[in-house]
Amino acid sequence: MTTEKITATAKTVIANVGNTAHQGVGLYRKGGKRLATVMGKRWDAAFKDASPKLSAETRKNAAHAQEVIGSYYSRGLALSADGAVVVIDTLVGGAITAIDLAATLKQAYGQKSA
């Protein structure tokens, strides 16, 4: 196998690993959003059941707490997923650069010794 073929194959493998990792991040986002929806529905049901027993002030505070917690959860989910994408892209880019560098060095070494 030639250096060019090995380089191309290695780059393809790295790119496929990167694509798979991006799909995993997409699934993480989707699962996180699904979890938020389920938990929101459970909160709403529990709030509806407990609401008649609570004062107006407590209901207001509980509703506000749910908004704040939901907002933090959404931001945390987005931040962690976006961070994972940056890590994936950085690692894939670095690996491809390393492959190119190794091929260049191999070629230079091959010409020097020939």
N, C-alpha and C. Protein backbone atom coordinates (compact mmCIF):
# COMPACT_ATOMS: atom_id res chain seq x y z
N MET A 1 0.85 -1.18 0.00
CA MET A 1 0.00 0.00 0.00
C MET A 1 0.89 1.24 0.00
N THR A 2 0.51 2.22 -0.81
CA THR A 2 1.31 3.43 -0.89
C THR A 2 0.97 4.38 0.26
N THR A 3 1.87 5.33 0.45
CA THR A 3 1.65 6.33 1.51
C THR A 3 0.37 7.10 1.26
N GLU A 4 0.10 7.43 0.00
CA GLU A 4 -1.11 8.19 -0.34
C GLU A 4 -2.37 7.41 0.03
N LYS A 5 -2.38 6.12 -0.26
CA LYS A 5 -3.55 5.29 0.05
C LYS A 5 -3.75 5.16 1.56
N ILE A 6 -2.63 4.95 2.26
CA ILE A 6 -2.72 4.83 3.73
C ILE A 6 -3.21 6.14 4.33
N THR A 7 -2.68 7.25 3.83
CA THR A 7 -3.08 8.57 4.32
C THR A 7 -4.57 8.80 4.07
N ALA A 8 -5.02 8.50 2.86
CA ALA A 8 -6.44 8.69 2.51
C ALA A 8 -7.34 7.81 3.37
N THR A 9 -6.93 6.58 3.58
CA THR A 9 -7.72 5.65 4.39
C THR A 9 -7.79 6.12 5.84
N ALA A 10 -6.65 6.52 6.37
CA ALA A 10 -6.61 7.00 7.77
C ALA A 10 -7.49 8.24 7.93
N LYS A 11 -7.42 9.16 6.96
CA LYS A 11 -8.25 10.37 7.03
C LYS A 11 -9.74 10.02 6.97
N THR A 12 -10.08 9.06 6.14
CA THR A 12 -11.48 8.63 6.05
C THR A 12 -11.96 8.03 7.36
N VAL A 13 -11.12 7.20 7.97
CA VAL A 13 -11.48 6.59 9.25
C VAL A 13 -11.67 7.68 10.32
N ILE A 14 -10.76 8.62 10.38
CA ILE A 14 -10.86 9.71 11.36
C ILE A 14 -12.12 10.53 11.12
N ALA A 15 -12.40 10.85 9.87
CA ALA A 15 -13.60 11.62 9.54
C ALA A 15 -14.86 10.86 9.94
N ASN A 16 -14.87 9.55 9.72
CA ASN A 16 -16.04 8.74 10.10
C ASN A 16 -16.22 8.70 11.61
N VAL A 17 -15.12 8.62 12.33
CA VAL A 17 -15.20 8.65 13.80
C VAL A 17 -15.77 10.01 14.25
N GLY A 18 -15.30 11.08 13.62
CA GLY A 18 -15.83 12.40 13.93
C GLY A 18 -17.32 12.52 13.65
N ASN A 19 -17.75 12.00 12.51
CA ASN A 19 -19.18 12.04 12.17
C ASN A 19 -20.00 11.23 13.16
N THR A 20 -19.50 10.08 13.56
CA THR A 20 -20.20 9.26 14.55
C THR A 20 -20.30 10.00 15.89
N ALA A 21 -19.23 10.65 16.27
CA ALA A 21 -19.23 11.42 17.52
C ALA A 21 -20.24 12.57 17.44
N HIS A 22 -20.32 13.23 16.29
CA HIS A 22 -21.30 14.31 16.11
C HIS A 22 -22.73 13.76 16.22
N GLN A 23 -22.95 12.58 15.68
CA GLN A 23 -24.27 11.95 15.80
C GLN A 23 -24.59 11.65 17.27
N GLY A 24 -23.57 11.22 18.01
CA GLY A 24 -23.76 10.98 19.44
C GLY A 24 -24.13 12.25 20.18
N VAL A 25 -23.51 13.36 19.83
CA VAL A 25 -23.85 14.64 20.46
C VAL A 25 -25.29 15.02 20.10
N GLY A 26 -25.68 14.76 18.86
CA GLY A 26 -27.06 15.03 18.45
C GLY A 26 -28.05 14.21 19.26
N LEU A 27 -27.73 12.96 19.49
CA LEU A 27 -28.59 12.10 20.31
C LEU A 27 -28.65 12.60 21.76
N TYR A 28 -27.51 13.06 22.26
CA TYR A 28 -27.46 13.62 23.62
C TYR A 28 -28.39 14.83 23.72
N ARG A 29 -28.32 15.71 22.72
CA ARG A 29 -29.21 16.89 22.71
C ARG A 29 -30.67 16.47 22.69
N LYS A 30 -30.98 15.54 21.78
CA LYS A 30 -32.36 15.09 21.64
C LYS A 30 -32.86 14.44 22.93
N GLY A 31 -32.04 13.60 23.53
CA GLY A 31 -32.41 12.95 24.79
C GLY A 31 -32.59 13.95 25.91
N GLY A 32 -31.72 14.94 25.97
CA GLY A 32 -31.83 15.98 26.99
C GLY A 32 -33.11 16.78 26.85
N LYS A 33 -33.47 17.08 25.61
CA LYS A 33 -34.72 17.83 25.37
C LYS A 33 -35.93 16.97 25.73
N ARG A 34 -35.85 15.70 25.40
CA ARG A 34 -36.95 14.78 25.75
C ARG A 34 -37.12 14.69 27.26
N LEU A 35 -36.00 14.58 27.95
CA LEU A 35 -36.03 14.52 29.41
C LEU A 35 -36.64 15.78 29.99
N ALA A 36 -36.27 16.93 29.43
CA ALA A 36 -36.83 18.20 29.90
C ALA A 36 -38.35 18.23 29.69
N THR A 37 -38.80 17.72 28.57
CA THR A 37 -40.24 17.69 28.29
C THR A 37 -40.97 16.79 29.28
N VAL A 38 -40.43 15.62 29.51
CA VAL A 38 -41.05 14.69 30.46
C VAL A 38 -41.09 15.28 31.86
N MET A 39 -39.97 15.84 32.28
CA MET A 39 -39.92 16.42 33.62
C MET A 39 -40.85 17.64 33.73
N GLY A 40 -40.96 18.41 32.66
CA GLY A 40 -41.88 19.54 32.65
C GLY A 40 -43.32 19.09 32.82
N LYS A 41 -43.68 18.02 32.15
CA LYS A 41 -45.05 17.48 32.28
C LYS A 41 -45.29 16.96 33.69
N ARG A 42 -44.31 16.30 34.26
CA ARG A 42 -44.46 15.80 35.64
C ARG A 42 -44.58 16.96 36.62
N TRP A 43 -43.79 18.00 36.41
CA TRP A 43 -43.86 19.19 37.26
C TRP A 43 -45.26 19.80 37.16
N ASP A 44 -45.74 19.95 35.93
CA ASP A 44 -47.07 20.56 35.72
C ASP A 44 -48.16 19.76 36.42
N ALA A 45 -48.09 18.44 36.32
CA ALA A 45 -49.09 17.59 36.97
C ALA A 45 -49.02 17.73 38.50
N ALA A 46 -47.81 17.70 39.04
CA ALA A 46 -47.65 17.83 40.49
C ALA A 46 -48.07 19.22 40.95
N PHE A 47 -47.75 20.23 40.18
CA PHE A 47 -48.12 21.61 40.52
C PHE A 47 -49.64 21.78 40.50
N LYS A 48 -50.26 21.16 39.52
CA LYS A 48 -51.73 21.24 39.42
C LYS A 48 -52.38 20.58 40.63
N ASP A 49 -51.86 19.43 41.04
CA ASP A 49 -52.41 18.73 42.21
C ASP A 49 -52.19 19.51 43.50
N ALA A 50 -51.02 20.10 43.64
CA ALA A 50 -50.68 20.79 44.89
C ALA A 50 -51.18 22.23 44.93
N SER A 51 -51.47 22.80 43.80
CA SER A 51 -51.82 24.22 43.70
C SER A 51 -52.93 24.67 44.64
N PRO A 52 -54.02 23.91 44.77
CA PRO A 52 -55.08 24.38 45.67
C PRO A 52 -54.65 24.47 47.14
N LYS A 53 -53.63 23.73 47.50
CA LYS A 53 -53.16 23.72 48.89
C LYS A 53 -52.12 24.81 49.15
N LEU A 54 -51.67 25.49 48.12
CA LEU A 54 -50.60 26.47 48.25
C LEU A 54 -51.14 27.89 48.24
N SER A 55 -50.42 28.76 48.90
CA SER A 55 -50.80 30.18 48.87
C SER A 55 -50.42 30.76 47.51
N ALA A 56 -50.96 31.92 47.20
CA ALA A 56 -50.67 32.57 45.93
C ALA A 56 -49.18 32.87 45.81
N GLU A 57 -48.58 33.31 46.89
CA GLU A 57 -47.15 33.62 46.90
C GLU A 57 -46.31 32.37 46.62
N THR A 58 -46.67 31.26 47.25
CA THR A 58 -45.94 30.01 47.06
C THR A 58 -46.09 29.52 45.62
N ARG A 59 -47.30 29.63 45.07
CA ARG A 59 -47.51 29.23 43.67
C ARG A 59 -46.65 30.08 42.73
N LYS A 60 -46.61 31.37 43.00
CA LYS A 60 -45.80 32.28 42.18
C LYS A 60 -44.33 31.91 42.27
N ASN A 61 -43.84 31.65 43.48
CA ASN A 61 -42.44 31.28 43.68
C ASN A 61 -42.12 29.93 43.03
N ALA A 62 -43.03 29.00 43.13
CA ALA A 62 -42.82 27.67 42.53
C ALA A 62 -42.76 27.77 41.00
N ALA A 63 -43.66 28.57 40.43
CA ALA A 63 -43.66 28.75 38.98
C ALA A 63 -42.37 29.42 38.52
N HIS A 64 -41.92 30.41 39.28
CA HIS A 64 -40.67 31.09 38.95
C HIS A 64 -39.48 30.14 39.08
N ALA A 65 -39.47 29.33 40.11
CA ALA A 65 -38.39 28.37 40.31
C ALA A 65 -38.31 27.39 39.14
N GLN A 66 -39.46 26.95 38.67
CA GLN A 66 -39.48 26.03 37.54
C GLN A 66 -38.91 26.69 36.29
N GLU A 67 -39.25 27.94 36.05
CA GLU A 67 -38.71 28.67 34.90
C GLU A 67 -37.19 28.80 34.99
N VAL A 68 -36.71 29.16 36.17
CA VAL A 68 -35.27 29.35 36.37
C VAL A 68 -34.53 28.03 36.20
N ILE A 69 -35.01 26.99 36.83
CA ILE A 69 -34.35 25.68 36.75
C ILE A 69 -34.38 25.17 35.31
N GLY A 70 -35.51 25.32 34.65
CA GLY A 70 -35.62 24.91 33.24
C GLY A 70 -34.65 25.66 32.35
N SER A 71 -34.50 26.94 32.62
CA SER A 71 -33.58 27.77 31.84
C SER A 71 -32.14 27.32 32.06
N TYR A 72 -31.76 27.07 33.30
CA TYR A 72 -30.41 26.60 33.59
C TYR A 72 -30.15 25.24 32.94
N TYR A 73 -31.14 24.38 33.00
CA TYR A 73 -30.99 23.05 32.40
C TYR A 73 -30.77 23.18 30.89
N SER A 74 -31.59 24.00 30.24
CA SER A 74 -31.46 24.18 28.78
C SER A 74 -30.11 24.76 28.41
N ARG A 75 -29.68 25.77 29.15
CA ARG A 75 -28.38 26.38 28.87
C ARG A 75 -27.24 25.39 29.12
N GLY A 76 -27.35 24.62 30.19
CA GLY A 76 -26.33 23.62 30.48
C GLY A 76 -26.25 22.55 29.41
N LEU A 77 -27.40 22.12 28.94
CA LEU A 77 -27.45 21.11 27.87
C LEU A 77 -26.80 21.65 26.61
N ALA A 78 -27.16 22.87 26.22
CA ALA A 78 -26.59 23.48 25.02
C ALA A 78 -25.08 23.70 25.17
N LEU A 79 -24.67 24.19 26.32
CA LEU A 79 -23.26 24.47 26.56
C LEU A 79 -22.42 23.20 26.51
N SER A 80 -22.90 22.14 27.15
CA SER A 80 -22.13 20.90 27.16
C SER A 80 -22.08 20.27 25.77
N ALA A 81 -23.18 20.32 25.04
CA ALA A 81 -23.19 19.75 23.69
C ALA A 81 -22.30 20.58 22.75
N ASP A 82 -22.39 21.89 22.86
CA ASP A 82 -21.54 22.75 22.03
C ASP A 82 -20.06 22.53 22.35
N GLY A 83 -19.76 22.36 23.62
CA GLY A 83 -18.38 22.09 24.02
C GLY A 83 -17.89 20.76 23.47
N ALA A 84 -18.75 19.76 23.47
CA ALA A 84 -18.38 18.46 22.92
C ALA A 84 -18.10 18.57 21.42
N VAL A 85 -18.88 19.37 20.72
CA VAL A 85 -18.66 19.56 19.29
C VAL A 85 -17.30 20.21 19.05
N VAL A 86 -16.94 21.18 19.86
CA VAL A 86 -15.63 21.84 19.72
C VAL A 86 -14.51 20.82 19.96
N VAL A 87 -14.67 20.00 20.98
CA VAL A 87 -13.65 18.98 21.28
C VAL A 87 -13.52 18.00 20.11
N ILE A 88 -14.63 17.54 19.60
CA ILE A 88 -14.61 16.60 18.48
C ILE A 88 -13.90 17.21 17.28
N ASP A 89 -14.32 18.43 16.93
CA ASP A 89 -13.72 19.09 15.77
C ASP A 89 -12.23 19.32 15.95
N THR A 90 -11.83 19.68 17.16
CA THR A 90 -10.41 19.91 17.45
C THR A 90 -9.61 18.61 17.33
N LEU A 91 -10.14 17.54 17.91
CA LEU A 91 -9.43 16.26 17.85
C LEU A 91 -9.35 15.72 16.43
N VAL A 92 -10.44 15.81 15.69
CA VAL A 92 -10.44 15.32 14.31
C VAL A 92 -9.47 16.15 13.47
N GLY A 93 -9.54 17.46 13.63
CA GLY A 93 -8.63 18.33 12.88
C GLY A 93 -7.18 18.05 13.22
N GLY A 94 -6.89 17.87 14.50
CA GLY A 94 -5.53 17.56 14.93
C GLY A 94 -5.04 16.23 14.40
N ALA A 95 -5.92 15.24 14.40
CA ALA A 95 -5.54 13.92 13.91
C ALA A 95 -5.27 13.96 12.41
N ILE A 96 -6.10 14.68 11.67
CA ILE A 96 -5.89 14.78 10.23
C ILE A 96 -4.60 15.56 9.93
N THR A 97 -4.34 16.60 10.70
CA THR A 97 -3.09 17.35 10.53
C THR A 97 -1.89 16.45 10.83
N ALA A 98 -1.99 15.63 11.86
CA ALA A 98 -0.90 14.71 12.21
C ALA A 98 -0.67 13.69 11.10
N ILE A 99 -1.75 13.21 10.51
CA ILE A 99 -1.62 12.25 9.41
C ILE A 99 -0.92 12.91 8.22
N ASP A 100 -1.34 14.13 7.90
CA ASP A 100 -0.71 14.85 6.79
C ASP A 100 0.77 15.10 7.06
N LEU A 101 1.08 15.49 8.28
CA LEU A 101 2.47 15.74 8.66
C LEU A 101 3.30 14.46 8.56
N ALA A 102 2.76 13.36 9.05
CA ALA A 102 3.47 12.08 8.99
C ALA A 102 3.71 11.67 7.53
N ALA A 103 2.72 11.89 6.68
CA ALA A 103 2.88 11.55 5.26
C ALA A 103 3.94 12.43 4.61
N THR A 104 3.93 13.71 4.96
CA THR A 104 4.92 14.64 4.42
C THR A 104 6.33 14.24 4.87
N LEU A 105 6.46 13.92 6.14
CA LEU A 105 7.77 13.50 6.66
C LEU A 105 8.23 12.19 6.02
N LYS A 106 7.30 11.28 5.84
CA LYS A 106 7.63 10.00 5.20
C LYS A 106 8.11 10.24 3.78
N GLN A 107 7.42 11.13 3.07
CA GLN A 107 7.79 11.44 1.70
C GLN A 107 9.17 12.12 1.66
N ALA A 108 9.37 13.06 2.57
CA ALA A 108 10.67 13.74 2.61
C ALA A 108 11.80 12.78 2.95
N TYR A 109 11.55 11.88 3.90
CA TYR A 109 12.55 10.89 4.28
C TYR A 109 12.83 9.94 3.12
N GLY A 110 11.78 9.55 2.40
CA GLY A 110 11.93 8.64 1.28
C GLY A 110 12.74 9.28 0.16
N GLN A 111 12.56 10.56 -0.08
CA GLN A 111 13.32 11.25 -1.13
C GLN A 111 14.77 11.44 -0.71
N LYS A 112 14.98 11.67 0.56
CA LYS A 112 16.34 11.91 1.07
C LYS A 112 17.19 10.64 0.99
N SER A 113 16.55 9.50 1.29
CA SER A 113 17.31 8.26 1.32
C SER A 113 17.41 7.61 -0.06
N ALA A 114 16.69 8.13 -1.02
CA ALA A 114 16.72 7.53 -2.36
C ALA A 114 17.87 7.97 -3.20
